[in-house]
Amino acid sequence: SGESLYEAVHDADAIALVRDRSPFDASLIKRLPKLKLFVFTGTRNALL
């Protein structure tokens, strides 16, 4: 979460996430200009 999450994904083209185990809000998403695909497991994610 927080900066450790950003460091893990800042250069990612695609992110795959198990359920809602990491929060992705609008401010973090804006910092990910390379991102093209986001896929999460299950059909609901309250932290995305």
All heavy atoms as atom14 arrays in JSON, in Angstrom:
{
  "sequence": "SGESLYEAVHDADAIALVRDRSPFDASLIKRLPKLKLFVFTGTRNALL",
  "atom14_mask": [
    [1, 1, 1, 1, 1, 1, 0, 0, 0, 0, 0, 0, 0, 0],
    [1, 1, 1, 1, 0, 0, 0, 0, 0, 0, 0, 0, 0, 0],
    [1, 1, 1, 1, 1, 1, 1, 1, 1, 0, 0, 0, 0, 0],
    [1, 1, 1, 1, 1, 1, 0, 0, 0, 0, 0, 0, 0, 0],
    [1, 1, 1, 1, 1, 1, 1, 1, 0, 0, 0, 0, 0, 0],
    [1, 1, 1, 1, 1, 1, 1, 1, 1, 1, 1, 1, 0, 0],
    [1, 1, 1, 1, 1, 1, 1, 1, 1, 0, 0, 0, 0, 0],
    [1, 1, 1, 1, 1, 0, 0, 0, 0, 0, 0, 0, 0, 0],
    [1, 1, 1, 1, 1, 1, 1, 0, 0, 0, 0, 0, 0, 0],
    [1, 1, 1, 1, 1, 1, 1, 1, 1, 1, 0, 0, 0, 0],
    [1, 1, 1, 1, 1, 1, 1, 1, 0, 0, 0, 0, 0, 0],
    [1, 1, 1, 1, 1, 0, 0, 0, 0, 0, 0, 0, 0, 0],
    [1, 1, 1, 1, 1, 1, 1, 1, 0, 0, 0, 0, 0, 0],
    [1, 1, 1, 1, 1, 0, 0, 0, 0, 0, 0, 0, 0, 0],
    [1, 1, 1, 1, 1, 1, 1, 1, 0, 0, 0, 0, 0, 0],
    [1, 1, 1, 1, 1, 0, 0, 0, 0, 0, 0, 0, 0, 0],
    [1, 1, 1, 1, 1, 1, 1, 1, 0, 0, 0, 0, 0, 0],
    [1, 1, 1, 1, 1, 1, 1, 0, 0, 0, 0, 0, 0, 0],
    [1, 1, 1, 1, 1, 1, 1, 1, 1, 1, 1, 0, 0, 0],
    [1, 1, 1, 1, 1, 1, 1, 1, 0, 0, 0, 0, 0, 0],
    [1, 1, 1, 1, 1, 1, 1, 1, 1, 1, 1, 0, 0, 0],
    [1, 1, 1, 1, 1, 1, 0, 0, 0, 0, 0, 0, 0, 0],
    [1, 1, 1, 1, 1, 1, 1, 0, 0, 0, 0, 0, 0, 0],
    [1, 1, 1, 1, 1, 1, 1, 1, 1, 1, 1, 0, 0, 0],
    [1, 1, 1, 1, 1, 1, 1, 1, 0, 0, 0, 0, 0, 0],
    [1, 1, 1, 1, 1, 0, 0, 0, 0, 0, 0, 0, 0, 0],
    [1, 1, 1, 1, 1, 1, 0, 0, 0, 0, 0, 0, 0, 0],
    [1, 1, 1, 1, 1, 1, 1, 1, 0, 0, 0, 0, 0, 0],
    [1, 1, 1, 1, 1, 1, 1, 1, 0, 0, 0, 0, 0, 0],
    [1, 1, 1, 1, 1, 1, 1, 1, 1, 0, 0, 0, 0, 0],
    [1, 1, 1, 1, 1, 1, 1, 1, 1, 1, 1, 0, 0, 0],
    [1, 1, 1, 1, 1, 1, 1, 1, 0, 0, 0, 0, 0, 0],
    [1, 1, 1, 1, 1, 1, 1, 0, 0, 0, 0, 0, 0, 0],
    [1, 1, 1, 1, 1, 1, 1, 1, 1, 0, 0, 0, 0, 0],
    [1, 1, 1, 1, 1, 1, 1, 1, 0, 0, 0, 0, 0, 0],
    [1, 1, 1, 1, 1, 1, 1, 1, 1, 0, 0, 0, 0, 0],
    [1, 1, 1, 1, 1, 1, 1, 1, 0, 0, 0, 0, 0, 0],
    [1, 1, 1, 1, 1, 1, 1, 1, 1, 1, 1, 0, 0, 0],
    [1, 1, 1, 1, 1, 1, 1, 0, 0, 0, 0, 0, 0, 0],
    [1, 1, 1, 1, 1, 1, 1, 1, 1, 1, 1, 0, 0, 0],
    [1, 1, 1, 1, 1, 1, 1, 0, 0, 0, 0, 0, 0, 0],
    [1, 1, 1, 1, 0, 0, 0, 0, 0, 0, 0, 0, 0, 0],
    [1, 1, 1, 1, 1, 1, 1, 0, 0, 0, 0, 0, 0, 0],
    [1, 1, 1, 1, 1, 1, 1, 1, 1, 1, 1, 0, 0, 0],
    [1, 1, 1, 1, 1, 1, 1, 1, 0, 0, 0, 0, 0, 0],
    [1, 1, 1, 1, 1, 0, 0, 0, 0, 0, 0, 0, 0, 0],
    [1, 1, 1, 1, 1, 1, 1, 1, 0, 0, 0, 0, 0, 0],
    [1, 1, 1, 1, 1, 1, 1, 1, 0, 0, 0, 0, 0, 0]
  ],
  "atom14_positions": [
    [[0.86, -1.18, 0.0], [0.0, 0.0, 0.0], [0.9, 1.23, 0.0], [2.11, 1.12, 0.2], [-0.94, 0.02, 1.22], [-0.19, 0.06, 2.42], [0.0, 0.0, 0.0], [0.0, 0.0, 0.0], [0.0, 0.0, 0.0], [0.0, 0.0, 0.0], [0.0, 0.0, 0.0], [0.0, 0.0, 0.0], [0.0, 0.0, 0.0], [0.0, 0.0, 0.0]],
    [[0.31, 2.38, -0.24], [1.08, 3.63, -0.2], [2.24, 3.64, -1.19], [2.13, 3.17, -2.32], [0.0, 0.0, 0.0], [0.0, 0.0, 0.0], [0.0, 0.0, 0.0], [0.0, 0.0, 0.0], [0.0, 0.0, 0.0], [0.0, 0.0, 0.0], [0.0, 0.0, 0.0], [0.0, 0.0, 0.0], [0.0, 0.0, 0.0], [0.0, 0.0, 0.0]],
    [[3.38, 4.16, -0.75], [4.53, 4.3, -1.64], [5.13, 2.95, -2.03], [5.67, 2.81, -3.13], [5.6, 5.18, -0.99], [5.28, 6.66, -1.05], [5.03, 7.16, -2.46], [5.94, 7.0, -3.32], [3.94, 7.69, -2.73], [0.0, 0.0, 0.0], [0.0, 0.0, 0.0], [0.0, 0.0, 0.0], [0.0, 0.0, 0.0], [0.0, 0.0, 0.0]],
    [[5.04, 1.95, -1.14], [5.56, 0.63, -1.52], [4.74, 0.04, -2.66], [5.29, -0.64, -3.54], [5.55, -0.31, -0.31], [4.23, -0.55, 0.14], [0.0, 0.0, 0.0], [0.0, 0.0, 0.0], [0.0, 0.0, 0.0], [0.0, 0.0, 0.0], [0.0, 0.0, 0.0], [0.0, 0.0, 0.0], [0.0, 0.0, 0.0], [0.0, 0.0, 0.0]],
    [[3.46, 0.32, -2.67], [2.62, -0.12, -3.78], [2.99, 0.62, -5.06], [3.13, 0.0, -6.13], [1.15, 0.1, -3.43], [0.12, -0.18, -4.54], [0.21, -1.61, -5.03], [-1.3, 0.13, -4.03], [0.0, 0.0, 0.0], [0.0, 0.0, 0.0], [0.0, 0.0, 0.0], [0.0, 0.0, 0.0], [0.0, 0.0, 0.0], [0.0, 0.0, 0.0]],
    [[3.16, 1.93, -4.95], [3.54, 2.71, -6.13], [4.86, 2.23, -6.71], [4.99, 2.06, -7.94], [3.64, 4.2, -5.78], [4.22, 5.02, -6.9], [3.49, 5.29, -8.05], [5.53, 5.5, -6.82], [4.04, 6.02, -9.09], [6.09, 6.23, -7.85], [5.35, 6.49, -8.99], [5.9, 7.2, -10.02], [0.0, 0.0, 0.0], [0.0, 0.0, 0.0]],
    [[5.84, 1.98, -5.87], [7.14, 1.52, -6.36], [7.03, 0.19, -7.08], [7.76, -0.07, -8.04], [8.13, 1.4, -5.19], [8.58, 2.74, -4.62], [9.28, 3.6, -5.67], [10.04, 3.04, -6.49], [9.04, 4.82, -5.69], [0.0, 0.0, 0.0], [0.0, 0.0, 0.0], [0.0, 0.0, 0.0], [0.0, 0.0, 0.0], [0.0, 0.0, 0.0]],
    [[6.11, -0.65, -6.63], [5.96, -1.97, -7.26], [5.31, -1.88, -8.64], [5.59, -2.72, -9.5], [5.12, -2.88, -6.36], [0.0, 0.0, 0.0], [0.0, 0.0, 0.0], [0.0, 0.0, 0.0], [0.0, 0.0, 0.0], [0.0, 0.0, 0.0], [0.0, 0.0, 0.0], [0.0, 0.0, 0.0], [0.0, 0.0, 0.0], [0.0, 0.0, 0.0]],
    [[4.47, -0.87, -8.87], [3.67, -0.85, -10.1], [3.91, 0.38, -10.97], [3.27, 0.52, -12.02], [2.16, -0.95, -9.77], [1.87, -2.23, -8.99], [1.67, 0.28, -9.0], [0.0, 0.0, 0.0], [0.0, 0.0, 0.0], [0.0, 0.0, 0.0], [0.0, 0.0, 0.0], [0.0, 0.0, 0.0], [0.0, 0.0, 0.0], [0.0, 0.0, 0.0]],
    [[4.8, 1.27, -10.58], [4.9, 2.56, -11.28], [5.24, 2.42, -12.77], [4.85, 3.26, -13.57], [5.93, 3.46, -10.6], [7.35, 3.06, -10.83], [7.95, 2.06, -10.09], [8.27, 3.5, -11.73], [9.2, 1.91, -10.52], [9.42, 2.77, -11.49], [0.0, 0.0, 0.0], [0.0, 0.0, 0.0], [0.0, 0.0, 0.0], [0.0, 0.0, 0.0]],
    [[5.94, 1.33, -13.13], [6.32, 1.16, -14.53], [5.56, 0.03, -15.2], [5.9, -0.42, -16.29], [7.82, 0.89, -14.64], [8.27, -0.35, -13.87], [7.46, -0.88, -13.09], [9.43, -0.77, -14.06], [0.0, 0.0, 0.0], [0.0, 0.0, 0.0], [0.0, 0.0, 0.0], [0.0, 0.0, 0.0], [0.0, 0.0, 0.0], [0.0, 0.0, 0.0]],
    [[4.48, -0.44, -14.58], [3.74, -1.58, -15.1], [2.82, -1.17, -16.25], [2.16, -0.13, -16.21], [2.93, -2.24, -14.0], [0.0, 0.0, 0.0], [0.0, 0.0, 0.0], [0.0, 0.0, 0.0], [0.0, 0.0, 0.0], [0.0, 0.0, 0.0], [0.0, 0.0, 0.0], [0.0, 0.0, 0.0], [0.0, 0.0, 0.0], [0.0, 0.0, 0.0]],
    [[2.77, -2.01, -17.26], [1.8, -1.86, -18.34], [0.48, -2.55, -17.99], [-0.57, -2.16, -18.5], [2.36, -2.47, -19.63], [3.61, -1.77, -20.11], [3.5, -0.72, -20.75], [4.71, -2.28, -19.82], [0.0, 0.0, 0.0], [0.0, 0.0, 0.0], [0.0, 0.0, 0.0], [0.0, 0.0, 0.0], [0.0, 0.0, 0.0], [0.0, 0.0, 0.0]],
    [[0.57, -3.57, -17.15], [-0.62, -4.3, -16.72], [-0.47, -4.68, -15.26], [0.63, -5.01, -14.81], [-0.84, -5.54, -17.57], [0.0, 0.0, 0.0], [0.0, 0.0, 0.0], [0.0, 0.0, 0.0], [0.0, 0.0, 0.0], [0.0, 0.0, 0.0], [0.0, 0.0, 0.0], [0.0, 0.0, 0.0], [0.0, 0.0, 0.0], [0.0, 0.0, 0.0]],
    [[-1.57, -4.63, -14.54], [-1.6, -5.02, -13.13], [-2.67, -6.1, -12.96], [-3.8, -5.95, -13.43], [-1.92, -3.82, -12.22], [-0.8, -2.78, -12.27], [-2.16, -4.27, -10.78], [-1.13, -1.48, -11.55], [0.0, 0.0, 0.0], [0.0, 0.0, 0.0], [0.0, 0.0, 0.0], [0.0, 0.0, 0.0], [0.0, 0.0, 0.0], [0.0, 0.0, 0.0]],
    [[-2.28, -7.18, -12.29], [-3.22, -8.25, -11.93], [-3.24, -8.33, -10.41], [-2.2, -8.46, -9.78], [-2.79, -9.57, -12.54], [0.0, 0.0, 0.0], [0.0, 0.0, 0.0], [0.0, 0.0, 0.0], [0.0, 0.0, 0.0], [0.0, 0.0, 0.0], [0.0, 0.0, 0.0], [0.0, 0.0, 0.0], [0.0, 0.0, 0.0], [0.0, 0.0, 0.0]],
    [[-4.42, -8.24, -9.82], [-4.55, -8.13, -8.37], [-5.49, -9.2, -7.82], [-6.58, -9.41, -8.36], [-5.09, -6.74, -8.01], [-5.46, -6.46, -6.55], [-4.23, -6.53, -5.66], [-6.13, -5.09, -6.42], [0.0, 0.0, 0.0], [0.0, 0.0, 0.0], [0.0, 0.0, 0.0], [0.0, 0.0, 0.0], [0.0, 0.0, 0.0], [0.0, 0.0, 0.0]],
    [[-5.07, -9.86, -6.76], [-5.95, -10.79, -6.07], [-6.93, -9.99, -5.2], [-6.5, -9.25, -4.31], [-5.16, -11.78, -5.2], [-6.12, -12.69, -4.42], [-4.22, -12.62, -6.06], [0.0, 0.0, 0.0], [0.0, 0.0, 0.0], [0.0, 0.0, 0.0], [0.0, 0.0, 0.0], [0.0, 0.0, 0.0], [0.0, 0.0, 0.0], [0.0, 0.0, 0.0]],
    [[-8.22, -10.13, -5.54], [-9.29, -9.46, -4.81], [-8.99, -7.97, -4.6], [-8.59, -7.27, -5.53], [-9.5, -10.18, -3.46], [-9.95, -11.63, -3.58], [-11.42, -11.77, -3.7], [-12.06, -11.38, -2.47], [-13.17, -11.94, -2.0], [-13.73, -12.93, -2.65], [-13.72, -11.53, -0.87], [0.0, 0.0, 0.0], [0.0, 0.0, 0.0], [0.0, 0.0, 0.0]],
    [[-9.17, -7.49, -3.36], [-8.95, -6.07, -3.06], [-7.78, -5.92, -2.09], [-7.84, -5.12, -1.16], [-10.22, -5.43, -2.49], [-10.79, -6.21, -1.33], [-10.18, -7.22, -0.91], [-11.87, -5.83, -0.83], [0.0, 0.0, 0.0], [0.0, 0.0, 0.0], [0.0, 0.0, 0.0], [0.0, 0.0, 0.0], [0.0, 0.0, 0.0], [0.0, 0.0, 0.0]],
    [[-6.72, -6.69, -2.3], [-5.62, -6.73, -1.34], [-4.71, -5.52, -1.4], [-3.87, -5.34, -0.52], [-4.82, -8.03, -1.53], [-5.62, -9.25, -1.11], [-4.86, -10.54, -1.3], [-5.61, -11.66, -0.74], [-5.21, -12.93, -0.78], [-4.05, -13.23, -1.35], [-5.95, -13.88, -0.26], [0.0, 0.0, 0.0], [0.0, 0.0, 0.0], [0.0, 0.0, 0.0]],
    [[-4.85, -4.69, -2.4], [-4.13, -3.41, -2.44], [-5.1, -2.34, -2.92], [-5.85, -2.57, -3.88], [-2.92, -3.46, -3.38], [-1.89, -4.24, -2.84], [0.0, 0.0, 0.0], [0.0, 0.0, 0.0], [0.0, 0.0, 0.0], [0.0, 0.0, 0.0], [0.0, 0.0, 0.0], [0.0, 0.0, 0.0], [0.0, 0.0, 0.0], [0.0, 0.0, 0.0]],
    [[-5.1, -1.16, -2.29], [-6.05, -0.11, -2.67], [-5.53, 0.72, -3.84], [-4.38, 1.14, -3.85], [-6.15, 0.74, -1.41], [-4.8, 0.59, -0.75], [-4.32, -0.79, -1.08], [0.0, 0.0, 0.0], [0.0, 0.0, 0.0], [0.0, 0.0, 0.0], [0.0, 0.0, 0.0], [0.0, 0.0, 0.0], [0.0, 0.0, 0.0], [0.0, 0.0, 0.0]],
    [[-6.39, 0.95, -4.81], [-6.05, 1.8, -5.95], [-7.09, 2.91, -6.06], [-8.2, 2.69, -6.54], [-6.01, 0.98, -7.25], [-4.75, 0.18, -7.42], [-4.63, -1.06, -6.82], [-3.68, 0.66, -8.17], [-3.47, -1.82, -6.97], [-2.52, -0.08, -8.31], [-2.41, -1.33, -7.72], [0.0, 0.0, 0.0], [0.0, 0.0, 0.0], [0.0, 0.0, 0.0]],
    [[-6.71, 4.11, -5.56], [-7.62, 5.24, -5.66], [-7.2, 6.12, -6.84], [-6.2, 5.87, -7.52], [-7.66, 6.03, -4.36], [-6.3, 6.56, -3.93], [-5.37, 6.64, -4.78], [-6.15, 6.9, -2.74], [0.0, 0.0, 0.0], [0.0, 0.0, 0.0], [0.0, 0.0, 0.0], [0.0, 0.0, 0.0], [0.0, 0.0, 0.0], [0.0, 0.0, 0.0]],
    [[-7.97, 7.17, -7.06], [-7.75, 8.03, -8.23], [-6.37, 8.68, -8.2], [-5.72, 8.83, -9.25], [-8.84, 9.09, -8.31], [0.0, 0.0, 0.0], [0.0, 0.0, 0.0], [0.0, 0.0, 0.0], [0.0, 0.0, 0.0], [0.0, 0.0, 0.0], [0.0, 0.0, 0.0], [0.0, 0.0, 0.0], [0.0, 0.0, 0.0], [0.0, 0.0, 0.0]],
    [[-5.9, 9.07, -7.03], [-4.6, 9.76, -6.94], [-3.46, 8.82, -7.34], [-2.51, 9.24, -8.01], [-4.38, 10.32, -5.54], [-4.37, 9.27, -4.58], [0.0, 0.0, 0.0], [0.0, 0.0, 0.0], [0.0, 0.0, 0.0], [0.0, 0.0, 0.0], [0.0, 0.0, 0.0], [0.0, 0.0, 0.0], [0.0, 0.0, 0.0], [0.0, 0.0, 0.0]],
    [[-3.54, 7.57, -6.94], [-2.5, 6.61, -7.33], [-2.6, 6.29, -8.81], [-1.59, 6.25, -9.52], [-2.64, 5.33, -6.51], [-1.72, 4.16, -6.9], [-0.25, 4.56, -6.84], [-1.99, 2.94, -6.02], [0.0, 0.0, 0.0], [0.0, 0.0, 0.0], [0.0, 0.0, 0.0], [0.0, 0.0, 0.0], [0.0, 0.0, 0.0], [0.0, 0.0, 0.0]],
    [[-3.81, 6.09, -9.29], [-4.01, 5.74, -10.7], [-3.45, 6.84, -11.61], [-2.84, 6.56, -12.65], [-5.5, 5.49, -10.97], [-5.93, 4.2, -10.27], [-5.8, 5.43, -12.46], [-7.42, 4.02, -10.15], [0.0, 0.0, 0.0], [0.0, 0.0, 0.0], [0.0, 0.0, 0.0], [0.0, 0.0, 0.0], [0.0, 0.0, 0.0], [0.0, 0.0, 0.0]],
    [[-3.61, 8.1, -11.21], [-3.1, 9.21, -12.01], [-1.58, 9.16, -12.15], [-1.01, 9.66, -13.11], [-3.53, 10.54, -11.39], [-3.18, 11.78, -12.2], [-3.68, 13.05, -11.55], [-5.18, 13.14, -11.6], [-5.67, 14.48, -11.13], [0.0, 0.0, 0.0], [0.0, 0.0, 0.0], [0.0, 0.0, 0.0], [0.0, 0.0, 0.0], [0.0, 0.0, 0.0]],
    [[-0.91, 8.52, -11.19], [0.55, 8.41, -11.21], [1.05, 7.22, -12.04], [2.24, 6.93, -12.05], [1.08, 8.28, -9.78], [0.75, 9.46, -8.89], [1.16, 9.2, -7.45], [2.61, 9.12, -7.28], [3.21, 8.7, -6.17], [2.47, 8.29, -5.13], [4.52, 8.65, -6.1], [0.0, 0.0, 0.0], [0.0, 0.0, 0.0], [0.0, 0.0, 0.0]],
    [[0.14, 6.56, -12.74], [0.51, 5.36, -13.5], [0.2, 5.56, -14.98], [-0.69, 4.91, -15.55], [-0.25, 4.14, -12.96], [-0.14, 3.87, -11.46], [-1.03, 2.71, -11.05], [1.31, 3.62, -11.07], [0.0, 0.0, 0.0], [0.0, 0.0, 0.0], [0.0, 0.0, 0.0], [0.0, 0.0, 0.0], [0.0, 0.0, 0.0], [0.0, 0.0, 0.0]],
    [[0.92, 6.45, -15.66], [0.61, 6.77, -17.05], [0.83, 5.63, -18.03], [0.24, 5.6, -19.11], [1.55, 7.95, -17.36], [2.69, 7.78, -16.41], [2.08, 7.24, -15.16], [0.0, 0.0, 0.0], [0.0, 0.0, 0.0], [0.0, 0.0, 0.0], [0.0, 0.0, 0.0], [0.0, 0.0, 0.0], [0.0, 0.0, 0.0], [0.0, 0.0, 0.0]],
    [[1.69, 4.66, -17.67], [1.95, 3.53, -18.57], [0.85, 2.48, -18.54], [0.76, 1.63, -19.44], [3.27, 2.85, -18.19], [4.53, 3.55, -18.63], [5.74, 2.66, -18.39], [5.67, 1.4, -19.25], [6.81, 0.49, -18.99], [0.0, 0.0, 0.0], [0.0, 0.0, 0.0], [0.0, 0.0, 0.0], [0.0, 0.0, 0.0], [0.0, 0.0, 0.0]],
    [[0.03, 2.51, -17.52], [-0.91, 1.42, -17.27], [-1.96, 1.32, -18.39], [-2.6, 2.3, -18.75], [-1.61, 1.63, -15.93], [-2.49, 0.48, -15.43], [-1.66, -0.79, -15.22], [-3.18, 0.88, -14.13], [0.0, 0.0, 0.0], [0.0, 0.0, 0.0], [0.0, 0.0, 0.0], [0.0, 0.0, 0.0], [0.0, 0.0, 0.0], [0.0, 0.0, 0.0]],
    [[-2.13, 0.1, -18.91], [-3.1, -0.15, -19.98], [-4.16, -1.17, -19.6], [-5.24, -1.17, -20.18], [-2.36, -0.62, -21.24], [-1.31, 0.35, -21.75], [-0.54, -0.23, -22.93], [0.56, 0.71, -23.4], [1.63, 0.85, -22.37], [0.0, 0.0, 0.0], [0.0, 0.0, 0.0], [0.0, 0.0, 0.0], [0.0, 0.0, 0.0], [0.0, 0.0, 0.0]],
    [[-3.82, -2.06, -18.67], [-4.76, -3.1, -18.26], [-4.74, -3.27, -16.75], [-3.66, -3.32, -16.14], [-4.41, -4.45, -18.92], [-5.2, -5.66, -18.41], [-6.66, -5.6, -18.87], [-4.56, -6.97, -18.86], [0.0, 0.0, 0.0], [0.0, 0.0, 0.0], [0.0, 0.0, 0.0], [0.0, 0.0, 0.0], [0.0, 0.0, 0.0], [0.0, 0.0, 0.0]],
    [[-5.92, -3.38, -16.15], [-6.03, -3.7, -14.73], [-7.04, -4.83, -14.61], [-8.21, -4.69, -14.98], [-6.5, -2.49, -13.92], [-6.33, -2.65, -12.43], [-5.35, -1.94, -11.76], [-7.14, -3.52, -11.7], [-5.18, -2.09, -10.38], [-6.97, -3.68, -10.34], [-5.99, -2.95, -9.68], [0.0, 0.0, 0.0], [0.0, 0.0, 0.0], [0.0, 0.0, 0.0]],
    [[-6.6, -5.98, -14.08], [-7.49, -7.11, -13.88], [-7.42, -7.57, -12.43], [-6.35, -7.63, -11.84], [-7.15, -8.28, -14.85], [-5.69, -8.69, -14.73], [-8.07, -9.47, -14.6], [0.0, 0.0, 0.0], [0.0, 0.0, 0.0], [0.0, 0.0, 0.0], [0.0, 0.0, 0.0], [0.0, 0.0, 0.0], [0.0, 0.0, 0.0], [0.0, 0.0, 0.0]],
    [[-8.58, -7.83, -11.83], [-8.62, -8.31, -10.45], [-9.44, -9.59, -10.39], [-10.29, -9.86, -11.25], [-9.18, -7.25, -9.49], [-10.59, -6.81, -9.8], [-11.68, -7.45, -9.22], [-10.82, -5.75, -10.66], [-12.97, -7.04, -9.5], [-12.11, -5.33, -10.95], [-13.19, -5.98, -10.36], [0.0, 0.0, 0.0], [0.0, 0.0, 0.0], [0.0, 0.0, 0.0]],
    [[-9.19, -10.4, -9.37], [-9.92, -11.66, -9.24], [-11.23, -11.45, -8.52], [-11.37, -10.59, -7.65], [-9.08, -12.7, -8.47], [-8.83, -12.24, -7.15], [-7.75, -12.96, -9.17], [0.0, 0.0, 0.0], [0.0, 0.0, 0.0], [0.0, 0.0, 0.0], [0.0, 0.0, 0.0], [0.0, 0.0, 0.0], [0.0, 0.0, 0.0], [0.0, 0.0, 0.0]],
    [[-12.21, -12.27, -8.89], [-13.56, -12.08, -8.37], [-14.28, -11.02, -9.17], [-13.75, -10.48, -10.15], [0.0, 0.0, 0.0], [0.0, 0.0, 0.0], [0.0, 0.0, 0.0], [0.0, 0.0, 0.0], [0.0, 0.0, 0.0], [0.0, 0.0, 0.0], [0.0, 0.0, 0.0], [0.0, 0.0, 0.0], [0.0, 0.0, 0.0], [0.0, 0.0, 0.0]],
    [[-15.47, -10.7, -8.75], [-16.31, -9.78, -9.53], [-16.58, -8.46, -8.84], [-17.28, -7.61, -9.39], [-17.66, -10.45, -9.85], [-18.29, -10.85, -8.62], [-17.46, -11.67, -10.73], [0.0, 0.0, 0.0], [0.0, 0.0, 0.0], [0.0, 0.0, 0.0], [0.0, 0.0, 0.0], [0.0, 0.0, 0.0], [0.0, 0.0, 0.0], [0.0, 0.0, 0.0]],
    [[-16.02, -8.27, -7.62], [-16.21, -7.0, -6.91], [-14.9, -6.56, -6.28], [-14.11, -7.39, -5.82], [-17.28, -7.13, -5.83], [-18.68, -7.28, -6.36], [-19.71, -7.21, -5.25], [-19.61, -8.31, -4.32], [-20.41, -8.46, -3.27], [-21.34, -7.57, -3.0], [-20.27, -9.49, -2.46], [0.0, 0.0, 0.0], [0.0, 0.0, 0.0], [0.0, 0.0, 0.0]],
    [[-14.68, -5.24, -6.26], [-13.48, -4.7, -5.62], [-13.82, -3.34, -5.05], [-13.91, -2.34, -5.78], [-12.33, -4.59, -6.62], [-11.01, -4.25, -5.97], [-10.97, -3.48, -5.01], [-9.92, -4.8, -6.47], [0.0, 0.0, 0.0], [0.0, 0.0, 0.0], [0.0, 0.0, 0.0], [0.0, 0.0, 0.0], [0.0, 0.0, 0.0], [0.0, 0.0, 0.0]],
    [[-14.02, -3.27, -3.74], [-14.44, -2.04, -3.09], [-13.31, -1.04, -2.94], [-13.55, 0.13, -2.63], [-15.03, -2.35, -1.72], [0.0, 0.0, 0.0], [0.0, 0.0, 0.0], [0.0, 0.0, 0.0], [0.0, 0.0, 0.0], [0.0, 0.0, 0.0], [0.0, 0.0, 0.0], [0.0, 0.0, 0.0], [0.0, 0.0, 0.0], [0.0, 0.0, 0.0]],
    [[-12.05, -1.46, -3.14], [-10.9, -0.56, -2.95], [-10.29, -0.11, -4.28], [-9.18, 0.38, -4.31], [-9.83, -1.26, -2.1], [-10.25, -1.67, -0.7], [-9.08, -2.29, 0.05], [-10.78, -0.46, 0.08], [0.0, 0.0, 0.0], [0.0, 0.0, 0.0], [0.0, 0.0, 0.0], [0.0, 0.0, 0.0], [0.0, 0.0, 0.0], [0.0, 0.0, 0.0]],
    [[-11.06, -0.27, -5.35], [-10.58, 0.1, -6.68], [-11.48, 1.19, -7.26], [-12.71, 1.03, -7.32], [-10.59, -1.13, -7.6], [-10.28, -0.87, -9.07], [-8.84, -0.43, -9.25], [-10.57, -2.13, -9.89], [0.0, 0.0, 0.0], [0.0, 0.0, 0.0], [0.0, 0.0, 0.0], [0.0, 0.0, 0.0], [0.0, 0.0, 0.0], [0.0, 0.0, 0.0]]
  ]
}
